Amino acid sequence: MVNKYWDVRPEVAEALATGRAVVALESTVIAHGLPRPRNLEAARAMEAAVRERGAVPATIGLIEGRVVVGLSSAELERLATAENVAKVSRRDFASVITSRGLGATTVAGTILAAKEAGIRMLATGGIGGVHRDANETLDVSNDLEELARTPIGVVCSGAKVILDLPKTLEMLETLGVPVVGYGTNEFPAFYSRESGLALQVGVNSAEDAARVMRAQFEMELGAAVVICNPPPAEMAIERAEVEAWITGAMEAASKDGAKGKGVTPYLLGAVAKASCGRTLETNIALLVSNARVAAEIAVALGRG
């Protein structure tokens, strides 16, 4: 239940009260996922894409002890330019709120906040999942647990490509989370349209995706629906190229001692450098594409 720790901004609150489509957007990509100033440009482009398709964007973050659902333009800029912004998943809300610090929500944190606010659709780049060295580290993203417990639609381009994609897809199946291809029957590999991993369900329109979500929610099955939208074809990169960059990045991360929450941004930065910026451009393109698709599905879902 939304309480004194929550601040659902008027535009978002009004949209929810009147049945207008709302799309939640995570803020970790702003504070940690993309370099400056492209991070702020991407955040604003995602919000613009949501509006263009007839929905209200609700970027979520933590500002001075409150969970803000629907960050203002100035607050977006603050998260994009500030130092030491906390990454906020389920376990981190209380500590960041009580310290009155700045926090950027992960996919898991955004799912939690969206649920409390009553938002049924979220757009992101890639979900978290099972890390490639999980057999030794037990490093599995909390995103998967939140997806398993929250009835929400999540539009993404698969999981972050630095992860173990087969194990991530297997874990989603184990947790009972339906994974639906949007215009594809294959699990996207973030920067690449193909992963070699087949999906059991595919849809070709926002209306079809909304029907799957509606059935999932009405049956009260509990889990989210992950809707996988491949990166735009003109921006996609061949899987073999990406894997070569990732191998080099992982070797560098091990040498430099990157650990914990610092591993993902380190690897993404190293891959972007190795690709001469191609992965950065693809990342931004898929973020905007996913925001657009999420808005279309949210509008279709609202039509009932």
C-alpha atoms as a PDB file:
ATOM      1  CA  MET A   1       0.000   0.000   0.000  1.00  0.00           C
ATOM      2  CA  VAL A   2       1.280   3.474  -0.883  1.00  0.00           C
ATOM      3  CA  ASN A   3       2.153   5.276   2.371  1.00  0.00           C
ATOM      4  CA  LYS A   4       4.219   8.170   3.717  1.00  0.00           C
ATOM      5  CA  TYR A   5       7.332   6.883   1.958  1.00  0.00           C
ATOM      6  CA  TRP A   6       5.724   7.142  -1.481  1.00  0.00           C
ATOM      7  CA  ASP A   7       5.138  10.100  -3.742  1.00  0.00           C
ATOM      8  CA  VAL A   8       2.972   9.251  -6.753  1.00  0.00           C
ATOM      9  CA  ARG A   9       3.108  12.403  -8.833  1.00  0.00           C
ATOM     10  CA  PRO A  10      -0.188  14.075  -9.888  1.00  0.00           C
ATOM     11  CA  GLU A  11      -0.038  13.203 -13.596  1.00  0.00           C
ATOM     12  CA  VAL A  12       0.556   9.544 -12.823  1.00  0.00           C
ATOM     13  CA  ALA A  13      -2.033   9.456 -10.038  1.00  0.00           C
ATOM     14  CA  GLU A  14      -4.654  11.072 -12.276  1.00  0.00           C
ATOM     15  CA  ALA A  15      -3.919   8.661 -15.120  1.00  0.00           C
ATOM     16  CA  LEU A  16      -4.274   5.676 -12.816  1.00  0.00           C
ATOM     17  CA  ALA A  17      -7.501   7.030 -11.310  1.00  0.00           C
ATOM     18  CA  THR A  18      -9.068   7.596 -14.732  1.00  0.00           C
ATOM     19  CA  GLY A  19      -7.908   4.336 -16.304  1.00  0.00           C
ATOM     20  CA  ARG A  20      -5.362   5.880 -18.648  1.00  0.00           C
ATOM     21  CA  ALA A  21      -2.374   3.729 -19.638  1.00  0.00           C
ATOM     22  CA  VAL A  22       0.789   4.201 -17.559  1.00  0.00           C
ATOM     23  CA  VAL A  23       4.243   2.726 -18.187  1.00  0.00           C
ATOM     24  CA  ALA A  24       6.800   2.446 -15.384  1.00  0.00           C
ATOM     25  CA  LEU A  25      10.446   3.055 -16.316  1.00  0.00           C
ATOM     26  CA  GLU A  26      13.440   2.024 -14.248  1.00  0.00           C
ATOM     27  CA  SER A  27      16.130   4.542 -13.321  1.00  0.00           C
ATOM     28  CA  THR A  28      19.251   2.415 -12.840  1.00  0.00           C
ATOM     29  CA  VAL A  29      19.848   2.708 -16.562  1.00  0.00           C
ATOM     30  CA  ILE A  30      20.002   6.492 -16.048  1.00  0.00           C
ATOM     31  CA  ALA A  31      22.331   6.504 -13.051  1.00  0.00           C
ATOM     32  CA  HIS A  32      24.500   3.465 -13.816  1.00  0.00           C
ATOM     33  CA  GLY A  33      23.748   1.878 -17.180  1.00  0.00           C
ATOM     34  CA  LEU A  34      24.690   4.563 -19.694  1.00  0.00           C
ATOM     35  CA  PRO A  35      27.462   7.178 -19.862  1.00  0.00           C
ATOM     36  CA  ARG A  36      26.820  10.899 -19.490  1.00  0.00           C
ATOM     37  CA  PRO A  37      25.228  12.776 -21.225  1.00  0.00           C
ATOM     38  CA  ARG A  38      23.648   9.961 -23.231  1.00  0.00           C
ATOM     39  CA  ASN A  39      21.962   8.619 -20.097  1.00  0.00           C
ATOM     40  CA  LEU A  40      19.753  11.693 -19.710  1.00  0.00           C
ATOM     41  CA  GLU A  41      19.068  11.834 -23.449  1.00  0.00           C
ATOM     42  CA  ALA A  42      17.938   8.199 -23.365  1.00  0.00           C
ATOM     43  CA  ALA A  43      15.734   8.724 -20.298  1.00  0.00           C
ATOM     44  CA  ARG A  44      13.940  11.608 -21.959  1.00  0.00           C
ATOM     45  CA  ALA A  45      13.652   9.733 -25.261  1.00  0.00           C
ATOM     46  CA  MET A  46      12.013   6.799 -23.479  1.00  0.00           C
ATOM     47  CA  GLU A  47       9.479   9.075 -21.803  1.00  0.00           C
ATOM     48  CA  ALA A  48       8.780  10.784 -25.123  1.00  0.00           C
ATOM     49  CA  ALA A  49       8.243   7.405 -26.818  1.00  0.00           C
ATOM     50  CA  VAL A  50       5.696   6.436 -24.150  1.00  0.00           C
ATOM     51  CA  ARG A  51       3.797   9.686 -24.632  1.00  0.00           C
ATOM     52  CA  GLU A  52       3.851   9.354 -28.431  1.00  0.00           C
ATOM     53  CA  ARG A  53       1.980   6.070 -28.099  1.00  0.00           C
ATOM     54  CA  GLY A  54      -0.715   7.502 -25.835  1.00  0.00           C
ATOM     55  CA  ALA A  55       0.473   6.487 -22.357  1.00  0.00           C
ATOM     56  CA  VAL A  56       1.892   8.332 -19.356  1.00  0.00           C
ATOM     57  CA  PRO A  57       5.542   7.617 -18.407  1.00  0.00           C
ATOM     58  CA  ALA A  58       6.358   7.026 -14.743  1.00  0.00           C
ATOM     59  CA  THR A  59      10.100   6.893 -14.223  1.00  0.00           C
ATOM     60  CA  ILE A  60      10.750   5.725 -10.666  1.00  0.00           C
ATOM     61  CA  GLY A  61      13.547   6.698  -8.279  1.00  0.00           C
ATOM     62  CA  LEU A  62      14.282   7.609  -4.661  1.00  0.00           C
ATOM     63  CA  ILE A  63      14.654  11.284  -3.779  1.00  0.00           C
ATOM     64  CA  GLU A  64      15.360  12.513  -0.241  1.00  0.00           C
ATOM     65  CA  GLY A  65      13.663   9.708   1.630  1.00  0.00           C
ATOM     66  CA  ARG A  66      10.727   9.102  -0.693  1.00  0.00           C
ATOM     67  CA  VAL A  67       9.959   6.718  -3.531  1.00  0.00           C
ATOM     68  CA  VAL A  68       8.954   8.970  -6.415  1.00  0.00           C
ATOM     69  CA  VAL A  69       6.682   7.476  -9.067  1.00  0.00           C
ATOM     70  CA  GLY A  70       6.890   9.880 -11.999  1.00  0.00           C
ATOM     71  CA  LEU A  71      10.179  11.762 -11.692  1.00  0.00           C
ATOM     72  CA  SER A  72      10.219  15.346 -12.939  1.00  0.00           C
ATOM     73  CA  SER A  73      12.586  16.513 -15.671  1.00  0.00           C
ATOM     74  CA  ALA A  74      14.800  18.138 -13.042  1.00  0.00           C
ATOM     75  CA  GLU A  75      14.859  14.939 -10.969  1.00  0.00           C
ATOM     76  CA  LEU A  76      15.800  12.894 -14.026  1.00  0.00           C
ATOM     77  CA  GLU A  77      18.716  15.244 -14.579  1.00  0.00           C
ATOM     78  CA  ARG A  78      19.691  15.004 -10.925  1.00  0.00           C
ATOM     79  CA  LEU A  79      19.876  11.203 -11.071  1.00  0.00           C
ATOM     80  CA  ALA A  80      21.758  11.370 -14.358  1.00  0.00           C
ATOM     81  CA  THR A  81      24.457  13.722 -13.079  1.00  0.00           C
ATOM     82  CA  ALA A  82      24.829  12.964  -9.359  1.00  0.00           C
ATOM     83  CA  GLU A  83      27.640  10.887  -7.871  1.00  0.00           C
ATOM     84  CA  ASN A  84      27.101   7.906  -5.579  1.00  0.00           C
ATOM     85  CA  VAL A  85      23.502   7.170  -6.548  1.00  0.00           C
ATOM     86  CA  ALA A  86      22.454   3.922  -4.847  1.00  0.00           C
ATOM     87  CA  LYS A  87      21.150   0.994  -6.886  1.00  0.00           C
ATOM     88  CA  VAL A  88      17.856   0.051  -5.261  1.00  0.00           C
ATOM     89  CA  SER A  89      16.364  -3.421  -5.290  1.00  0.00           C
ATOM     90  CA  ARG A  90      13.941  -4.856  -2.708  1.00  0.00           C
ATOM     91  CA  ARG A  91      16.526  -5.105   0.077  1.00  0.00           C
ATOM     92  CA  ASP A  92      17.753  -1.518  -0.401  1.00  0.00           C
ATOM     93  CA  PHE A  93      14.592   0.593  -0.074  1.00  0.00           C
ATOM     94  CA  ALA A  94      14.628   0.999   3.706  1.00  0.00           C
ATOM     95  CA  SER A  95      18.303   1.935   3.988  1.00  0.00           C
ATOM     96  CA  VAL A  96      18.204   4.473   1.139  1.00  0.00           C
ATOM     97  CA  ILE A  97      14.955   5.991   2.417  1.00  0.00           C
ATOM     98  CA  THR A  98      16.262   6.387   5.960  1.00  0.00           C
ATOM     99  CA  SER A  99      19.553   7.888   4.757  1.00  0.00           C
ATOM    100  CA  ARG A 100      17.548  10.291   2.574  1.00  0.00           C
ATOM    101  CA  GLY A 101      19.913   9.559  -0.281  1.00  0.00           C
ATOM    102  CA  LEU A 102      19.420   9.345  -4.023  1.00  0.00           C
ATOM    103  CA  GLY A 103      18.414   5.950  -5.367  1.00  0.00           C
ATOM    104  CA  ALA A 104      17.932   4.501  -8.826  1.00  0.00           C
ATOM    105  CA  THR A 105      15.601   1.517  -9.015  1.00  0.00           C
ATOM    106  CA  THR A 106      16.667  -1.708 -10.694  1.00  0.00           C
ATOM    107  CA  VAL A 107      14.145  -3.761 -12.649  1.00  0.00           C
ATOM    108  CA  ALA A 108      13.249  -5.553  -9.393  1.00  0.00           C
ATOM    109  CA  GLY A 109      12.942  -2.292  -7.484  1.00  0.00           C
ATOM    110  CA  THR A 110      10.831  -0.756 -10.235  1.00  0.00           C
ATOM    111  CA  ILE A 111       8.532  -3.792 -10.318  1.00  0.00           C
ATOM    112  CA  LEU A 112       7.984  -3.485  -6.562  1.00  0.00           C
ATOM    113  CA  ALA A 113       7.266   0.251  -6.759  1.00  0.00           C
ATOM    114  CA  ALA A 114       5.029  -0.110  -9.813  1.00  0.00           C
ATOM    115  CA  LYS A 115       2.966  -2.773  -8.060  1.00  0.00           C
ATOM    116  CA  GLU A 116       2.448  -0.554  -5.017  1.00  0.00           C
ATOM    117  CA  ALA A 117       1.355   2.338  -7.233  1.00  0.00           C
ATOM    118  CA  GLY A 118      -0.995   0.166  -9.291  1.00  0.00           C
ATOM    119  CA  ILE A 119       0.963   0.262 -12.572  1.00  0.00           C
ATOM    120  CA  ARG A 120       0.672  -2.867 -14.725  1.00  0.00           C
ATOM    121  CA  MET A 121       3.326  -2.253 -17.394  1.00  0.00           C
ATOM    122  CA  LEU A 122       7.072  -1.672 -17.264  1.00  0.00           C
ATOM    123  CA  ALA A 123       9.705  -1.087 -19.942  1.00  0.00           C
ATOM    124  CA  THR A 124      13.419  -1.701 -19.589  1.00  0.00           C
ATOM    125  CA  GLY A 125      16.426  -2.712 -21.658  1.00  0.00           C
ATOM    126  CA  GLY A 126      17.257  -6.170 -20.360  1.00  0.00           C
ATOM    127  CA  ILE A 127      16.237  -7.984 -17.200  1.00  0.00           C
ATOM    128  CA  GLY A 128      18.771  -9.373 -14.758  1.00  0.00           C
ATOM    129  CA  GLY A 129      19.255 -13.101 -14.434  1.00  0.00           C
ATOM    130  CA  VAL A 130      21.735 -15.875 -13.729  1.00  0.00           C
ATOM    131  CA  HIS A 131      25.361 -14.759 -13.995  1.00  0.00           C
ATOM    132  CA  ARG A 132      27.833 -16.785 -16.017  1.00  0.00           C
ATOM    133  CA  ASP A 133      29.841 -17.728 -12.927  1.00  0.00           C
ATOM    134  CA  ALA A 134      26.772 -18.482 -10.783  1.00  0.00           C
ATOM    135  CA  ASN A 135      27.973 -22.046 -10.085  1.00  0.00           C
ATOM    136  CA  GLU A 136      30.768 -20.518  -7.991  1.00  0.00           C
ATOM    137  CA  THR A 137      29.279 -17.206  -6.857  1.00  0.00           C
ATOM    138  CA  LEU A 138      25.532 -18.012  -6.587  1.00  0.00           C
ATOM    139  CA  ASP A 139      25.022 -14.616  -8.253  1.00  0.00           C
ATOM    140  CA  VAL A 140      21.412 -14.533  -9.433  1.00  0.00           C
ATOM    141  CA  SER A 141      19.552 -11.254  -9.905  1.00  0.00           C
ATOM    142  CA  ASN A 142      16.638 -10.405  -7.625  1.00  0.00           C
ATOM    143  CA  ASP A 143      14.805  -9.432 -10.811  1.00  0.00           C
ATOM    144  CA  LEU A 144      13.824 -13.082 -11.255  1.00  0.00           C
ATOM    145  CA  GLU A 145      12.223 -13.340  -7.802  1.00  0.00           C
ATOM    146  CA  GLU A 146      10.247 -10.140  -8.336  1.00  0.00           C
ATOM    147  CA  LEU A 147       9.068 -11.342 -11.735  1.00  0.00           C
ATOM    148  CA  ALA A 148       7.871 -14.563 -10.118  1.00  0.00           C
ATOM    149  CA  ARG A 149       5.783 -12.795  -7.484  1.00  0.00           C
ATOM    150  CA  THR A 150       4.334  -9.738  -9.260  1.00  0.00           C
ATOM    151  CA  PRO A 151       1.571  -9.627 -11.907  1.00  0.00           C
ATOM    152  CA  ILE A 152       2.961  -7.018 -14.283  1.00  0.00           C
ATOM    153  CA  GLY A 153       3.965  -6.860 -17.934  1.00  0.00           C
ATOM    154  CA  VAL A 154       7.674  -6.269 -18.555  1.00  0.00           C
ATOM    155  CA  VAL A 155       8.865  -5.364 -22.045  1.00  0.00           C
ATOM    156  CA  CYS A 156      12.574  -6.033 -22.536  1.00  0.00           C
ATOM    157  CA  SER A 157      15.083  -7.228 -25.120  1.00  0.00           C
ATOM    158  CA  GLY A 158      15.705 -10.442 -23.205  1.00  0.00           C
ATOM    159  CA  ALA A 159      18.260 -10.512 -20.414  1.00  0.00           C
ATOM    160  CA  LYS A 160      21.491  -8.551 -20.228  1.00  0.00           C
ATOM    161  CA  VAL A 161      23.819 -10.323 -22.632  1.00  0.00           C
ATOM    162  CA  ILE A 162      26.656 -10.583 -20.092  1.00  0.00           C
ATOM    163  CA  LEU A 163      24.516 -13.158 -18.252  1.00  0.00           C
ATOM    164  CA  ASP A 164      24.080 -16.887 -18.796  1.00  0.00           C
ATOM    165  CA  LEU A 165      21.075 -16.695 -21.103  1.00  0.00           C
ATOM    166  CA  PRO A 166      20.159 -20.414 -21.189  1.00  0.00           C
ATOM    167  CA  LYS A 167      20.206 -20.644 -17.384  1.00  0.00           C
ATOM    168  CA  THR A 168      18.264 -17.402 -17.052  1.00  0.00           C
ATOM    169  CA  LEU A 169      15.553 -18.690 -19.383  1.00  0.00           C
ATOM    170  CA  GLU A 170      15.477 -22.008 -17.515  1.00  0.00           C
ATOM    171  CA  MET A 171      15.134 -20.198 -14.182  1.00  0.00           C
ATOM    172  CA  LEU A 172      12.215 -18.143 -15.507  1.00  0.00           C
ATOM    173  CA  GLU A 173      10.503 -21.395 -16.516  1.00  0.00           C
ATOM    174  CA  THR A 174      11.185 -22.923 -13.093  1.00  0.00           C
ATOM    175  CA  LEU A 175       9.677 -19.867 -11.397  1.00  0.00           C
ATOM    176  CA  GLY A 176       6.572 -20.028 -13.583  1.00  0.00           C
ATOM    177  CA  VAL A 177       7.194 -16.765 -15.410  1.00  0.00           C
ATOM    178  CA  PRO A 178       5.782 -16.792 -18.962  1.00  0.00           C
ATOM    179  CA  VAL A 179       8.209 -15.443 -21.566  1.00  0.00           C
ATOM    180  CA  VAL A 180       6.554 -14.186 -24.744  1.00  0.00           C
ATOM    181  CA  GLY A 181       8.302 -13.226 -27.951  1.00  0.00           C
ATOM    182  CA  TYR A 182       7.097  -9.990 -29.555  1.00  0.00           C
ATOM    183  CA  GLY A 183       7.426 -10.522 -33.296  1.00  0.00           C
ATOM    184  CA  THR A 184       9.856 -13.355 -32.632  1.00  0.00           C
ATOM    185  CA  ASN A 185       9.950 -16.984 -31.492  1.00  0.00           C
ATOM    186  CA  GLU A 186      13.467 -16.652 -30.108  1.00  0.00           C
ATOM    187  CA  PHE A 187      14.787 -15.192 -26.851  1.00  0.00           C
ATOM    188  CA  PRO A 188      16.613 -11.991 -27.853  1.00  0.00           C
ATOM    189  CA  ALA A 189      20.208 -11.589 -26.739  1.00  0.00           C
ATOM    190  CA  PHE A 190      19.976  -7.876 -25.912  1.00  0.00           C
ATOM    191  CA  TYR A 191      22.225  -6.363 -28.601  1.00  0.00           C
ATOM    192  CA  SER A 192      21.397  -9.276 -30.933  1.00  0.00           C
ATOM    193  CA  ARG A 193      18.062 -10.447 -32.263  1.00  0.00           C
ATOM    194  CA  GLU A 194      19.005 -14.127 -31.979  1.00  0.00           C
ATOM    195  CA  SER A 195      20.278 -16.285 -29.132  1.00  0.00           C
ATOM    196  CA  GLY A 196      19.468 -19.781 -30.423  1.00  0.00           C
ATOM    197  CA  LEU A 197      17.008 -20.173 -27.520  1.00  0.00           C
ATOM    198  CA  ALA A 198      13.471 -20.945 -28.679  1.00  0.00           C
ATOM    199  CA  LEU A 199      10.396 -19.475 -27.003  1.00  0.00           C
ATOM    200  CA  GLN A 200       7.175 -21.428 -26.657  1.00  0.00           C
ATOM    201  CA  VAL A 201       4.904 -18.423 -27.154  1.00  0.00           C
ATOM    202  CA  GLY A 202       5.045 -15.559 -29.651  1.00  0.00           C
ATOM    203  CA  VAL A 203       2.699 -12.660 -30.446  1.00  0.00           C
ATOM    204  CA  ASN A 204       2.699 -10.181 -33.305  1.00  0.00           C
ATOM    205  CA  SER A 205       0.705  -7.242 -31.962  1.00  0.00           C
ATOM    206  CA  ALA A 206       0.068  -5.159 -28.873  1.00  0.00           C
ATOM    207  CA  GLU A 207      -3.479  -6.518 -28.749  1.00  0.00           C
ATOM    208  CA  ASP A 208      -2.240 -10.124 -28.679  1.00  0.00           C
ATOM    209  CA  ALA A 209       0.273  -9.310 -25.940  1.00  0.00           C
ATOM    210  CA  ALA A 210      -2.460  -7.568 -23.926  1.00  0.00           C
ATOM    211  CA  ARG A 211      -4.683 -10.663 -24.207  1.00  0.00           C
ATOM    212  CA  VAL A 212      -1.926 -12.846 -22.759  1.00  0.00           C
ATOM    213  CA  MET A 213      -1.384 -10.386 -19.920  1.00  0.00           C
ATOM    214  CA  ARG A 214      -5.100 -10.090 -19.219  1.00  0.00           C
ATOM    215  CA  ALA A 215      -5.491 -13.872 -18.956  1.00  0.00           C
ATOM    216  CA  GLN A 216      -2.453 -14.090 -16.670  1.00  0.00           C
ATOM    217  CA  PHE A 217      -3.833 -11.396 -14.354  1.00  0.00           C
ATOM    218  CA  GLU A 218      -7.446 -12.598 -14.341  1.00  0.00           C
ATOM    219  CA  MET A 219      -6.376 -16.139 -13.488  1.00  0.00           C
ATOM    220  CA  GLU A 220      -4.372 -14.697 -10.581  1.00  0.00           C
ATOM    221  CA  LEU A 221      -1.322 -16.777 -11.458  1.00  0.00           C
ATOM    222  CA  GLY A 222       0.916 -14.352  -9.599  1.00  0.00           C
ATOM    223  CA  ALA A 223       3.872 -14.003 -11.951  1.00  0.00           C
ATOM    224  CA  ALA A 224       4.746 -11.284 -14.418  1.00  0.00           C
ATOM    225  CA  VAL A 225       4.612 -11.679 -18.179  1.00  0.00           C
ATOM    226  CA  VAL A 226       8.009 -11.030 -19.782  1.00  0.00           C
ATOM    227  CA  ILE A 227       7.509  -9.692 -23.308  1.00  0.00           C
ATOM    228  CA  CYS A 228      10.686  -9.936 -25.363  1.00  0.00           C
ATOM    229  CA  ASN A 229      11.063  -7.290 -28.060  1.00  0.00           C
ATOM    230  CA  PRO A 230      14.249  -7.770 -30.145  1.00  0.00           C
ATOM    231  CA  PRO A 231      16.429  -4.724 -30.790  1.00  0.00           C
ATOM    232  CA  PRO A 232      15.577  -2.813 -33.983  1.00  0.00           C
ATOM    233  CA  ALA A 233      16.910  -4.789 -36.954  1.00  0.00           C
ATOM    234  CA  GLU A 234      18.956  -1.884 -38.310  1.00  0.00           C
ATOM    235  CA  MET A 235      20.770  -1.527 -34.950  1.00  0.00           C
ATOM    236  CA  ALA A 236      21.201  -5.209 -34.015  1.00  0.00           C
ATOM    237  CA  ILE A 237      24.697  -6.708 -33.814  1.00  0.00           C
ATOM    238  CA  GLU A 238      25.719 -10.256 -34.737  1.00  0.00           C
ATOM    239  CA  ARG A 239      25.852 -12.536 -31.719  1.00  0.00           C
ATOM    240  CA  ALA A 240      29.366 -13.837 -32.462  1.00  0.00           C
ATOM    241  CA  GLU A 241      30.773 -10.309 -32.443  1.00  0.00           C
ATOM    242  CA  VAL A 242      29.157  -9.522 -29.111  1.00  0.00           C
ATOM    243  CA  GLU A 243      30.399 -12.747 -27.520  1.00  0.00           C
ATOM    244  CA  ALA A 244      33.974 -11.923 -28.511  1.00  0.00           C
ATOM    245  CA  TRP A 245      33.696  -8.518 -26.846  1.00  0.00           C
ATOM    246  CA  ILE A 246      32.163 -10.051 -23.721  1.00  0.00           C
ATOM    247  CA  THR A 247      34.979 -12.590 -23.386  1.00  0.00           C
ATOM    248  CA  GLY A 248      37.529  -9.800 -23.419  1.00  0.00           C
ATOM    249  CA  ALA A 249      35.508  -7.708 -20.980  1.00  0.00           C
ATOM    250  CA  MET A 250      35.173 -10.577 -18.501  1.00  0.00           C
ATOM    251  CA  GLU A 251      38.913 -11.195 -18.578  1.00  0.00           C
ATOM    252  CA  ALA A 252      39.529  -7.503 -17.909  1.00  0.00           C
ATOM    253  CA  ALA A 253      36.958  -7.450 -15.085  1.00  0.00           C
ATOM    254  CA  SER A 254      38.663 -10.369 -13.364  1.00  0.00           C
ATOM    255  CA  LYS A 255      42.059  -8.693 -13.717  1.00  0.00           C
ATOM    256  CA  ASP A 256      40.780  -5.366 -12.378  1.00  0.00           C
ATOM    257  CA  GLY A 257      38.875  -6.952  -9.485  1.00  0.00           C
ATOM    258  CA  ALA A 258      35.383  -5.793 -10.441  1.00  0.00           C
ATOM    259  CA  LYS A 259      32.887  -7.338  -8.011  1.00  0.00           C
ATOM    260  CA  GLY A 260      29.255  -7.258  -6.890  1.00  0.00           C
ATOM    261  CA  LYS A 261      27.083  -4.437  -8.193  1.00  0.00           C
ATOM    262  CA  GLY A 262      30.075  -2.985 -10.012  1.00  0.00           C
ATOM    263  CA  VAL A 263      30.431  -5.933 -12.386  1.00  0.00           C
ATOM    264  CA  THR A 264      27.521  -5.171 -14.708  1.00  0.00           C
ATOM    265  CA  PRO A 265      28.385  -1.504 -15.415  1.00  0.00           C
ATOM    266  CA  TYR A 266      32.064  -2.470 -15.776  1.00  0.00           C
ATOM    267  CA  LEU A 267      31.297  -5.152 -18.354  1.00  0.00           C
ATOM    268  CA  LEU A 268      28.833  -3.007 -20.287  1.00  0.00           C
ATOM    269  CA  GLY A 269      31.357  -0.167 -20.383  1.00  0.00           C
ATOM    270  CA  ALA A 270      34.148  -2.484 -21.537  1.00  0.00           C
ATOM    271  CA  VAL A 271      31.941  -3.970 -24.245  1.00  0.00           C
ATOM    272  CA  ALA A 272      30.927  -0.493 -25.427  1.00  0.00           C
ATOM    273  CA  LYS A 273      34.598   0.477 -25.678  1.00  0.00           C
ATOM    274  CA  ALA A 274      35.523  -2.699 -27.547  1.00  0.00           C
ATOM    275  CA  SER A 275      32.664  -2.149 -29.988  1.00  0.00           C
ATOM    276  CA  CYS A 276      33.714   1.465 -30.624  1.00  0.00           C
ATOM    277  CA  GLY A 277      30.365   2.623 -29.260  1.00  0.00           C
ATOM    278  CA  ARG A 278      28.132   0.370 -31.362  1.00  0.00           C
ATOM    279  CA  THR A 279      26.652  -1.397 -28.340  1.00  0.00           C
ATOM    280  CA  LEU A 280      25.841   1.947 -26.711  1.00  0.00           C
ATOM    281  CA  GLU A 281      23.839   3.051 -29.736  1.00  0.00           C
ATOM    282  CA  THR A 282      22.044  -0.302 -29.872  1.00  0.00           C
ATOM    283  CA  ASN A 283      21.306  -0.112 -26.142  1.00  0.00           C
ATOM    284  CA  ILE A 284      19.671   3.304 -26.497  1.00  0.00           C
ATOM    285  CA  ALA A 285      17.721   2.214 -29.579  1.00  0.00           C
ATOM    286  CA  LEU A 286      16.291  -0.855 -27.866  1.00  0.00           C
ATOM    287  CA  LEU A 287      15.395   1.121 -24.739  1.00  0.00           C
ATOM    288  CA  VAL A 288      13.328   3.559 -26.796  1.00  0.00           C
ATOM    289  CA  SER A 289      11.795   0.737 -28.846  1.00  0.00           C
ATOM    290  CA  ASN A 290      10.810  -1.150 -25.699  1.00  0.00           C
ATOM    291  CA  ALA A 291       9.244   1.976 -24.183  1.00  0.00           C
ATOM    292  CA  ARG A 292       7.197   2.449 -27.354  1.00  0.00           C
ATOM    293  CA  VAL A 293       6.009  -1.189 -27.403  1.00  0.00           C
ATOM    294  CA  ALA A 294       5.179  -1.108 -23.681  1.00  0.00           C
ATOM    295  CA  ALA A 295       2.997   1.961 -24.201  1.00  0.00           C
ATOM    296  CA  GLU A 296       1.164   0.319 -27.095  1.00  0.00           C
ATOM    297  CA  ILE A 297       0.484  -2.779 -25.007  1.00  0.00           C
ATOM    298  CA  ALA A 298      -0.602  -0.693 -22.004  1.00  0.00           C
ATOM    299  CA  VAL A 299      -3.100   1.184 -24.173  1.00  0.00           C
ATOM    300  CA  ALA A 300      -4.408  -2.101 -25.619  1.00  0.00           C
ATOM    301  CA  LEU A 301      -4.698  -3.573 -22.125  1.00  0.00           C
ATOM    302  CA  GLY A 302      -6.760  -0.594 -21.032  1.00  0.00           C
ATOM    303  CA  ARG A 303      -9.218  -1.138 -23.852  1.00  0.00           C
ATOM    304  CA  GLY A 304     -10.148  -4.436 -22.216  1.00  0.00           C
END
